[in-house]
ModelCIF file with pLDDT and N, C-alpha, C, O atoms, coordinates in Angstrom:
data_MODEL
#
_entry.id   MODEL 
#
_entity.id                         1 
_entity.type                       polymer 
_entity.pdbx_number_of_molecules   1 
#
_entity_poly.entity_id                      1 
_entity_poly.type                           'polypeptide(L)' 
_entity_poly.nstd_linkage                   no 
_entity_poly.nstd_monomer                   no 
_entity_poly.pdbx_seq_one_letter_code       LIFIPLALLSAFAAWRWMDNLTGIKADYKSFALAT 
_entity_poly.pdbx_seq_one_letter_code_can   LIFIPLALLSAFAAWRWMDNLTGIKADYKSFALAT 
_entity_poly.pdbx_strand_id                 A 
#
loop_
_entity_poly_seq.entity_id 
_entity_poly_seq.num 
_entity_poly_seq.mon_id 
_entity_poly_seq.hetero 
1 1  LEU n 
1 2  ILE n 
1 3  PHE n 
1 4  ILE n 
1 5  PRO n 
1 6  LEU n 
1 7  ALA n 
1 8  LEU n 
1 9  LEU n 
1 10 SER n 
1 11 ALA n 
1 12 PHE n 
1 13 ALA n 
1 14 ALA n 
1 15 TRP n 
1 16 ARG n 
1 17 TRP n 
1 18 MET n 
1 19 ASP n 
1 20 ASN n 
1 21 LEU n 
1 22 THR n 
1 23 GLY n 
1 24 ILE n 
1 25 LYS n 
1 26 ALA n 
1 27 ASP n 
1 28 TYR n 
1 29 LYS n 
1 30 SER n 
1 31 PHE n 
1 32 ALA n 
1 33 LEU n 
1 34 ALA n 
1 35 THR n 
#
_struct_asym.id          A 
_struct_asym.entity_id   1 
#
loop_
_ma_qa_metric.id 
_ma_qa_metric.mode 
_ma_qa_metric.name 
_ma_qa_metric.software_group_id 
_ma_qa_metric.type 
1 global pLDDT . pLDDT 
2 local  pLDDT . pLDDT 
#
_ma_qa_metric_global.metric_id      1 
_ma_qa_metric_global.metric_value   92.17 
_ma_qa_metric_global.model_id       1 
_ma_qa_metric_global.ordinal_id     1 
#
loop_
_ma_qa_metric_local.label_asym_id 
_ma_qa_metric_local.label_comp_id 
_ma_qa_metric_local.label_seq_id 
_ma_qa_metric_local.metric_id 
_ma_qa_metric_local.metric_value 
_ma_qa_metric_local.model_id 
_ma_qa_metric_local.ordinal_id 
A LEU 1  2 97.00 1 1  
A ILE 2  2 96.00 1 2  
A PHE 3  2 97.00 1 3  
A ILE 4  2 98.00 1 4  
A PRO 5  2 98.00 1 5  
A LEU 6  2 98.00 1 6  
A ALA 7  2 98.00 1 7  
A LEU 8  2 98.00 1 8  
A LEU 9  2 98.00 1 9  
A SER 10 2 98.00 1 10 
A ALA 11 2 98.00 1 11 
A PHE 12 2 98.00 1 12 
A ALA 13 2 97.00 1 13 
A ALA 14 2 97.00 1 14 
A TRP 15 2 97.00 1 15 
A ARG 16 2 95.00 1 16 
A TRP 17 2 96.00 1 17 
A MET 18 2 97.00 1 18 
A ASP 19 2 96.00 1 19 
A ASN 20 2 96.00 1 20 
A LEU 21 2 94.00 1 21 
A THR 22 2 91.00 1 22 
A GLY 23 2 83.00 1 23 
A ILE 24 2 81.00 1 24 
A LYS 25 2 80.00 1 25 
A ALA 26 2 78.00 1 26 
A ASP 27 2 77.00 1 27 
A TYR 28 2 86.00 1 28 
A LYS 29 2 83.00 1 29 
A SER 30 2 85.00 1 30 
A PHE 31 2 88.00 1 31 
A ALA 32 2 89.00 1 32 
A LEU 33 2 86.00 1 33 
A ALA 34 2 90.00 1 34 
A THR 35 2 92.00 1 35 
#
loop_
_atom_site.group_PDB 
_atom_site.id 
_atom_site.type_symbol 
_atom_site.label_atom_id 
_atom_site.label_alt_id 
_atom_site.label_comp_id 
_atom_site.label_asym_id 
_atom_site.label_entity_id 
_atom_site.label_seq_id 
_atom_site.pdbx_PDB_ins_code 
_atom_site.Cartn_x 
_atom_site.Cartn_y 
_atom_site.Cartn_z 
_atom_site.occupancy 
_atom_site.B_iso_or_equiv 
_atom_site.pdbx_formal_charge 
_atom_site.auth_seq_id 
_atom_site.auth_comp_id 
_atom_site.auth_asym_id 
_atom_site.auth_atom_id 
_atom_site.pdbx_PDB_model_num 
ATOM 1   N N  . LEU A 1 1  ? 0.860  -1.283  -0.100  1.00 97.00 ? 1  LEU A N  1 
ATOM 2   C CA . LEU A 1 1  ? 0.050  -0.016  -0.118  1.00 97.00 ? 1  LEU A CA 1 
ATOM 3   C C  . LEU A 1 1  ? 0.853  1.292   0.036   1.00 97.00 ? 1  LEU A C  1 
ATOM 4   O O  . LEU A 1 1  ? 0.412  2.348   -0.418  1.00 97.00 ? 1  LEU A O  1 
ATOM 5   N N  . ILE A 1 2  ? 1.952  1.221   0.634   1.00 96.00 ? 2  ILE A N  1 
ATOM 6   C CA . ILE A 1 2  ? 2.625  2.599   0.641   1.00 96.00 ? 2  ILE A CA 1 
ATOM 7   C C  . ILE A 1 2  ? 3.406  2.939   -0.579  1.00 96.00 ? 2  ILE A C  1 
ATOM 8   O O  . ILE A 1 2  ? 3.895  4.052   -0.768  1.00 96.00 ? 2  ILE A O  1 
ATOM 9   N N  . PHE A 1 3  ? 3.499  1.990   -1.353  1.00 97.00 ? 3  PHE A N  1 
ATOM 10  C CA . PHE A 1 3  ? 4.141  2.429   -2.719  1.00 97.00 ? 3  PHE A CA 1 
ATOM 11  C C  . PHE A 1 3  ? 3.135  2.585   -3.778  1.00 97.00 ? 3  PHE A C  1 
ATOM 12  O O  . PHE A 1 3  ? 3.527  2.731   -4.935  1.00 97.00 ? 3  PHE A O  1 
ATOM 13  N N  . ILE A 1 4  ? 1.815  2.569   -3.493  1.00 98.00 ? 4  ILE A N  1 
ATOM 14  C CA . ILE A 1 4  ? 0.862  2.998   -4.423  1.00 98.00 ? 4  ILE A CA 1 
ATOM 15  C C  . ILE A 1 4  ? 0.913  4.451   -4.771  1.00 98.00 ? 4  ILE A C  1 
ATOM 16  O O  . ILE A 1 4  ? 0.922  4.867   -5.929  1.00 98.00 ? 4  ILE A O  1 
ATOM 17  N N  . PRO A 1 5  ? 0.950  5.261   -3.607  1.00 98.00 ? 5  PRO A N  1 
ATOM 18  C CA . PRO A 1 5  ? 1.015  6.819   -3.783  1.00 98.00 ? 5  PRO A CA 1 
ATOM 19  C C  . PRO A 1 5  ? 2.235  7.160   -4.292  1.00 98.00 ? 5  PRO A C  1 
ATOM 20  O O  . PRO A 1 5  ? 2.323  8.059   -5.128  1.00 98.00 ? 5  PRO A O  1 
ATOM 21  N N  . LEU A 1 6  ? 3.472  6.382   -3.778  1.00 98.00 ? 6  LEU A N  1 
ATOM 22  C CA . LEU A 1 6  ? 4.763  6.791   -4.403  1.00 98.00 ? 6  LEU A CA 1 
ATOM 23  C C  . LEU A 1 6  ? 4.931  6.673   -5.764  1.00 98.00 ? 6  LEU A C  1 
ATOM 24  O O  . LEU A 1 6  ? 5.679  7.453   -6.354  1.00 98.00 ? 6  LEU A O  1 
ATOM 25  N N  . ALA A 1 7  ? 4.226  5.641   -6.446  1.00 98.00 ? 7  ALA A N  1 
ATOM 26  C CA . ALA A 1 7  ? 4.474  5.060   -7.589  1.00 98.00 ? 7  ALA A CA 1 
ATOM 27  C C  . ALA A 1 7  ? 3.531  6.333   -8.562  1.00 98.00 ? 7  ALA A C  1 
ATOM 28  O O  . ALA A 1 7  ? 3.946  6.786   -9.629  1.00 98.00 ? 7  ALA A O  1 
ATOM 29  N N  . LEU A 1 8  ? 2.354  6.699   -7.972  1.00 98.00 ? 8  LEU A N  1 
ATOM 30  C CA . LEU A 1 8  ? 1.686  7.859   -8.540  1.00 98.00 ? 8  LEU A CA 1 
ATOM 31  C C  . LEU A 1 8  ? 2.495  9.105   -8.642  1.00 98.00 ? 8  LEU A C  1 
ATOM 32  O O  . LEU A 1 8  ? 2.583  9.687   -9.722  1.00 98.00 ? 8  LEU A O  1 
ATOM 33  N N  . LEU A 1 9  ? 3.069  9.526   -7.608  1.00 98.00 ? 9  LEU A N  1 
ATOM 34  C CA . LEU A 1 9  ? 3.927  10.719  -7.323  1.00 98.00 ? 9  LEU A CA 1 
ATOM 35  C C  . LEU A 1 9  ? 5.057  10.776  -8.535  1.00 98.00 ? 9  LEU A C  1 
ATOM 36  O O  . LEU A 1 9  ? 5.217  11.710  -9.320  1.00 98.00 ? 9  LEU A O  1 
ATOM 37  N N  . SER A 1 10 ? 5.841  9.464   -8.480  1.00 98.00 ? 10 SER A N  1 
ATOM 38  C CA . SER A 1 10 ? 6.864  9.292   -9.619  1.00 98.00 ? 10 SER A CA 1 
ATOM 39  C C  . SER A 1 10 ? 6.308  9.756   -11.015 1.00 98.00 ? 10 SER A C  1 
ATOM 40  O O  . SER A 1 10 ? 6.886  10.546  -11.762 1.00 98.00 ? 10 SER A O  1 
ATOM 41  N N  . ALA A 1 11 ? 5.068  9.132   -11.262 1.00 98.00 ? 11 ALA A N  1 
ATOM 42  C CA . ALA A 1 11 ? 4.579  9.143   -12.713 1.00 98.00 ? 11 ALA A CA 1 
ATOM 43  C C  . ALA A 1 11 ? 4.118  10.830  -12.637 1.00 98.00 ? 11 ALA A C  1 
ATOM 44  O O  . ALA A 1 11 ? 4.256  11.445  -13.695 1.00 98.00 ? 11 ALA A O  1 
ATOM 45  N N  . PHE A 1 12 ? 3.711  11.414  -11.733 1.00 98.00 ? 12 PHE A N  1 
ATOM 46  C CA . PHE A 1 12 ? 3.277  12.883  -11.848 1.00 98.00 ? 12 PHE A CA 1 
ATOM 47  C C  . PHE A 1 12 ? 4.619  13.688  -12.010 1.00 98.00 ? 12 PHE A C  1 
ATOM 48  O O  . PHE A 1 12 ? 4.680  14.570  -12.867 1.00 98.00 ? 12 PHE A O  1 
ATOM 49  N N  . ALA A 1 13 ? 5.666  13.409  -11.228 1.00 97.00 ? 13 ALA A N  1 
ATOM 50  C CA . ALA A 1 13 ? 6.586  14.259  -11.384 1.00 97.00 ? 13 ALA A CA 1 
ATOM 51  C C  . ALA A 1 13 ? 7.371  14.239  -12.663 1.00 97.00 ? 13 ALA A C  1 
ATOM 52  O O  . ALA A 1 13 ? 7.833  15.237  -13.216 1.00 97.00 ? 13 ALA A O  1 
ATOM 53  N N  . ALA A 1 14 ? 7.490  12.787  -13.143 1.00 97.00 ? 14 ALA A N  1 
ATOM 54  C CA . ALA A 1 14 ? 8.052  12.824  -14.541 1.00 97.00 ? 14 ALA A CA 1 
ATOM 55  C C  . ALA A 1 14 ? 7.274  13.461  -15.656 1.00 97.00 ? 14 ALA A C  1 
ATOM 56  O O  . ALA A 1 14 ? 7.861  13.937  -16.628 1.00 97.00 ? 14 ALA A O  1 
ATOM 57  N N  . TRP A 1 15 ? 5.846  13.484  -15.527 1.00 97.00 ? 15 TRP A N  1 
ATOM 58  C CA . TRP A 1 15 ? 4.945  14.207  -16.396 1.00 97.00 ? 15 TRP A CA 1 
ATOM 59  C C  . TRP A 1 15 ? 5.099  15.503  -16.240 1.00 97.00 ? 15 TRP A C  1 
ATOM 60  O O  . TRP A 1 15 ? 4.997  16.181  -17.262 1.00 97.00 ? 15 TRP A O  1 
ATOM 61  N N  . ARG A 1 16 ? 5.357  16.139  -15.059 1.00 95.00 ? 16 ARG A N  1 
ATOM 62  C CA . ARG A 1 16 ? 5.552  17.577  -14.812 1.00 95.00 ? 16 ARG A CA 1 
ATOM 63  C C  . ARG A 1 16 ? 6.773  18.000  -15.168 1.00 95.00 ? 16 ARG A C  1 
ATOM 64  O O  . ARG A 1 16 ? 6.894  19.000  -15.875 1.00 95.00 ? 16 ARG A O  1 
ATOM 65  N N  . TRP A 1 17 ? 7.811  17.312  -14.735 1.00 96.00 ? 17 TRP A N  1 
ATOM 66  C CA . TRP A 1 17 ? 9.143  17.906  -14.750 1.00 96.00 ? 17 TRP A CA 1 
ATOM 67  C C  . TRP A 1 17 ? 10.367 17.394  -15.685 1.00 96.00 ? 17 TRP A C  1 
ATOM 68  O O  . TRP A 1 17 ? 11.426 17.995  -15.866 1.00 96.00 ? 17 TRP A O  1 
ATOM 69  N N  . MET A 1 18 ? 9.965  16.107  -16.254 1.00 97.00 ? 18 MET A N  1 
ATOM 70  C CA . MET A 1 18 ? 10.979 15.693  -17.094 1.00 97.00 ? 18 MET A CA 1 
ATOM 71  C C  . MET A 1 18 ? 10.802 15.919  -18.468 1.00 97.00 ? 18 MET A C  1 
ATOM 72  O O  . MET A 1 18 ? 9.714  16.422  -18.750 1.00 97.00 ? 18 MET A O  1 
ATOM 73  N N  . ASP A 1 19 ? 11.726 15.639  -19.604 1.00 96.00 ? 19 ASP A N  1 
ATOM 74  C CA . ASP A 1 19 ? 11.693 15.869  -20.742 1.00 96.00 ? 19 ASP A CA 1 
ATOM 75  C C  . ASP A 1 19 ? 12.035 14.560  -21.732 1.00 96.00 ? 19 ASP A C  1 
ATOM 76  O O  . ASP A 1 19 ? 12.710 13.581  -21.413 1.00 96.00 ? 19 ASP A O  1 
ATOM 77  N N  . ASN A 1 20 ? 11.447 14.789  -22.899 1.00 96.00 ? 20 ASN A N  1 
ATOM 78  C CA . ASN A 1 20 ? 11.614 13.659  -24.013 1.00 96.00 ? 20 ASN A CA 1 
ATOM 79  C C  . ASN A 1 20 ? 12.960 14.356  -24.740 1.00 96.00 ? 20 ASN A C  1 
ATOM 80  O O  . ASN A 1 20 ? 13.153 15.560  -24.572 1.00 96.00 ? 20 ASN A O  1 
ATOM 81  N N  . LEU A 1 21 ? 13.743 13.675  -25.431 1.00 94.00 ? 21 LEU A N  1 
ATOM 82  C CA . LEU A 1 21 ? 14.780 14.127  -26.523 1.00 94.00 ? 21 LEU A CA 1 
ATOM 83  C C  . LEU A 1 21 ? 14.329 13.407  -27.895 1.00 94.00 ? 21 LEU A C  1 
ATOM 84  O O  . LEU A 1 21 ? 14.230 12.192  -28.069 1.00 94.00 ? 21 LEU A O  1 
ATOM 85  N N  . THR A 1 22 ? 14.105 14.315  -28.723 1.00 91.00 ? 22 THR A N  1 
ATOM 86  C CA . THR A 1 22 ? 14.079 14.010  -30.212 1.00 91.00 ? 22 THR A CA 1 
ATOM 87  C C  . THR A 1 22 ? 15.510 13.507  -30.812 1.00 91.00 ? 22 THR A C  1 
ATOM 88  O O  . THR A 1 22 ? 16.593 13.844  -30.332 1.00 91.00 ? 22 THR A O  1 
ATOM 89  N N  . GLY A 1 23 ? 15.353 12.686  -31.888 1.00 83.00 ? 23 GLY A N  1 
ATOM 90  C CA . GLY A 1 23 ? 16.413 12.437  -32.715 1.00 83.00 ? 23 GLY A CA 1 
ATOM 91  C C  . GLY A 1 23 ? 17.259 11.224  -31.695 1.00 83.00 ? 23 GLY A C  1 
ATOM 92  O O  . GLY A 1 23 ? 18.471 11.067  -31.841 1.00 83.00 ? 23 GLY A O  1 
ATOM 93  N N  . ILE A 1 24 ? 16.619 10.567  -30.865 1.00 81.00 ? 24 ILE A N  1 
ATOM 94  C CA . ILE A 1 24 ? 17.368 9.493   -30.059 1.00 81.00 ? 24 ILE A CA 1 
ATOM 95  C C  . ILE A 1 24 ? 16.884 8.322   -30.744 1.00 81.00 ? 24 ILE A C  1 
ATOM 96  O O  . ILE A 1 24 ? 15.679 8.300   -30.994 1.00 81.00 ? 24 ILE A O  1 
ATOM 97  N N  . LYS A 1 25 ? 17.611 7.325   -31.102 1.00 80.00 ? 25 LYS A N  1 
ATOM 98  C CA . LYS A 1 25 ? 17.459 6.136   -31.877 1.00 80.00 ? 25 LYS A CA 1 
ATOM 99  C C  . LYS A 1 25 ? 17.764 4.855   -31.070 1.00 80.00 ? 25 LYS A C  1 
ATOM 100 O O  . LYS A 1 25 ? 18.818 4.809   -30.436 1.00 80.00 ? 25 LYS A O  1 
ATOM 101 N N  . ALA A 1 26 ? 16.927 3.836   -31.056 1.00 78.00 ? 26 ALA A N  1 
ATOM 102 C CA . ALA A 1 26 ? 17.520 2.564   -30.316 1.00 78.00 ? 26 ALA A CA 1 
ATOM 103 C C  . ALA A 1 26 ? 18.812 2.268   -31.283 1.00 78.00 ? 26 ALA A C  1 
ATOM 104 O O  . ALA A 1 26 ? 18.862 2.283   -32.513 1.00 78.00 ? 26 ALA A O  1 
ATOM 105 N N  . ASP A 1 27 ? 19.883 1.983   -30.284 1.00 77.00 ? 27 ASP A N  1 
ATOM 106 C CA . ASP A 1 27 ? 21.089 1.730   -30.922 1.00 77.00 ? 27 ASP A CA 1 
ATOM 107 C C  . ASP A 1 27 ? 21.388 0.159   -30.929 1.00 77.00 ? 27 ASP A C  1 
ATOM 108 O O  . ASP A 1 27 ? 22.236 -0.326  -30.179 1.00 77.00 ? 27 ASP A O  1 
ATOM 109 N N  . TYR A 1 28 ? 20.660 -0.576  -31.795 1.00 86.00 ? 28 TYR A N  1 
ATOM 110 C CA . TYR A 1 28 ? 20.680 -1.934  -31.858 1.00 86.00 ? 28 TYR A CA 1 
ATOM 111 C C  . TYR A 1 28 ? 22.245 -2.347  -32.472 1.00 86.00 ? 28 TYR A C  1 
ATOM 112 O O  . TYR A 1 28 ? 22.703 -3.476  -32.292 1.00 86.00 ? 28 TYR A O  1 
ATOM 113 N N  . LYS A 1 29 ? 22.892 -1.423  -33.119 1.00 83.00 ? 29 LYS A N  1 
ATOM 114 C CA . LYS A 1 29 ? 24.076 -1.688  -33.668 1.00 83.00 ? 29 LYS A CA 1 
ATOM 115 C C  . LYS A 1 29 ? 25.222 -1.884  -32.527 1.00 83.00 ? 29 LYS A C  1 
ATOM 116 O O  . LYS A 1 29 ? 26.251 -2.522  -32.750 1.00 83.00 ? 29 LYS A O  1 
ATOM 117 N N  . SER A 1 30 ? 24.931 -1.267  -31.285 1.00 85.00 ? 30 SER A N  1 
ATOM 118 C CA . SER A 1 30 ? 25.777 -1.202  -30.298 1.00 85.00 ? 30 SER A CA 1 
ATOM 119 C C  . SER A 1 30 ? 25.836 -2.400  -29.816 1.00 85.00 ? 30 SER A C  1 
ATOM 120 O O  . SER A 1 30 ? 26.879 -3.011  -29.585 1.00 85.00 ? 30 SER A O  1 
ATOM 121 N N  . PHE A 1 31 ? 24.435 -2.898  -29.596 1.00 88.00 ? 31 PHE A N  1 
ATOM 122 C CA . PHE A 1 31 ? 24.448 -4.389  -28.922 1.00 88.00 ? 31 PHE A CA 1 
ATOM 123 C C  . PHE A 1 31 ? 25.066 -5.500  -29.824 1.00 88.00 ? 31 PHE A C  1 
ATOM 124 O O  . PHE A 1 31 ? 25.714 -6.457  -29.401 1.00 88.00 ? 31 PHE A O  1 
ATOM 125 N N  . ALA A 1 32 ? 24.774 -5.239  -31.116 1.00 89.00 ? 32 ALA A N  1 
ATOM 126 C CA . ALA A 1 32 ? 25.217 -6.266  -32.125 1.00 89.00 ? 32 ALA A CA 1 
ATOM 127 C C  . ALA A 1 32 ? 26.743 -6.277  -31.852 1.00 89.00 ? 32 ALA A C  1 
ATOM 128 O O  . ALA A 1 32 ? 27.322 -7.316  -31.536 1.00 89.00 ? 32 ALA A O  1 
ATOM 129 N N  . LEU A 1 33 ? 27.396 -5.044  -31.988 1.00 86.00 ? 33 LEU A N  1 
ATOM 130 C CA . LEU A 1 33 ? 29.068 -5.134  -31.834 1.00 86.00 ? 33 LEU A CA 1 
ATOM 131 C C  . LEU A 1 33 ? 29.373 -5.763  -30.588 1.00 86.00 ? 33 LEU A C  1 
ATOM 132 O O  . LEU A 1 33 ? 30.227 -6.650  -30.559 1.00 86.00 ? 33 LEU A O  1 
ATOM 133 N N  . ALA A 1 34 ? 28.731 -5.380  -29.486 1.00 90.00 ? 34 ALA A N  1 
ATOM 134 C CA . ALA A 1 34 ? 28.881 -5.927  -28.019 1.00 90.00 ? 34 ALA A CA 1 
ATOM 135 C C  . ALA A 1 34 ? 28.730 -7.353  -27.912 1.00 90.00 ? 34 ALA A C  1 
ATOM 136 O O  . ALA A 1 34 ? 29.500 -7.907  -27.128 1.00 90.00 ? 34 ALA A O  1 
ATOM 137 N N  . THR A 1 35 ? 27.879 -8.082  -28.549 1.00 92.00 ? 35 THR A N  1 
ATOM 138 C CA . THR A 1 35 ? 27.391 -9.452  -28.539 1.00 92.00 ? 35 THR A CA 1 
ATOM 139 C C  . THR A 1 35 ? 28.736 -10.207 -29.370 1.00 92.00 ? 35 THR A C  1 
ATOM 140 O O  . THR A 1 35 ? 28.729 -11.420 -29.582 1.00 92.00 ? 35 THR A O  1 
#
């Protein structure tokens, strides 16, 4: 129960104060090189 409001708070904080970055692509090549 104590983590239900905390999870909602985290989601709200991310919605209100975080950002997305454009031009960011999944770097499958880096994983392929690493494997």
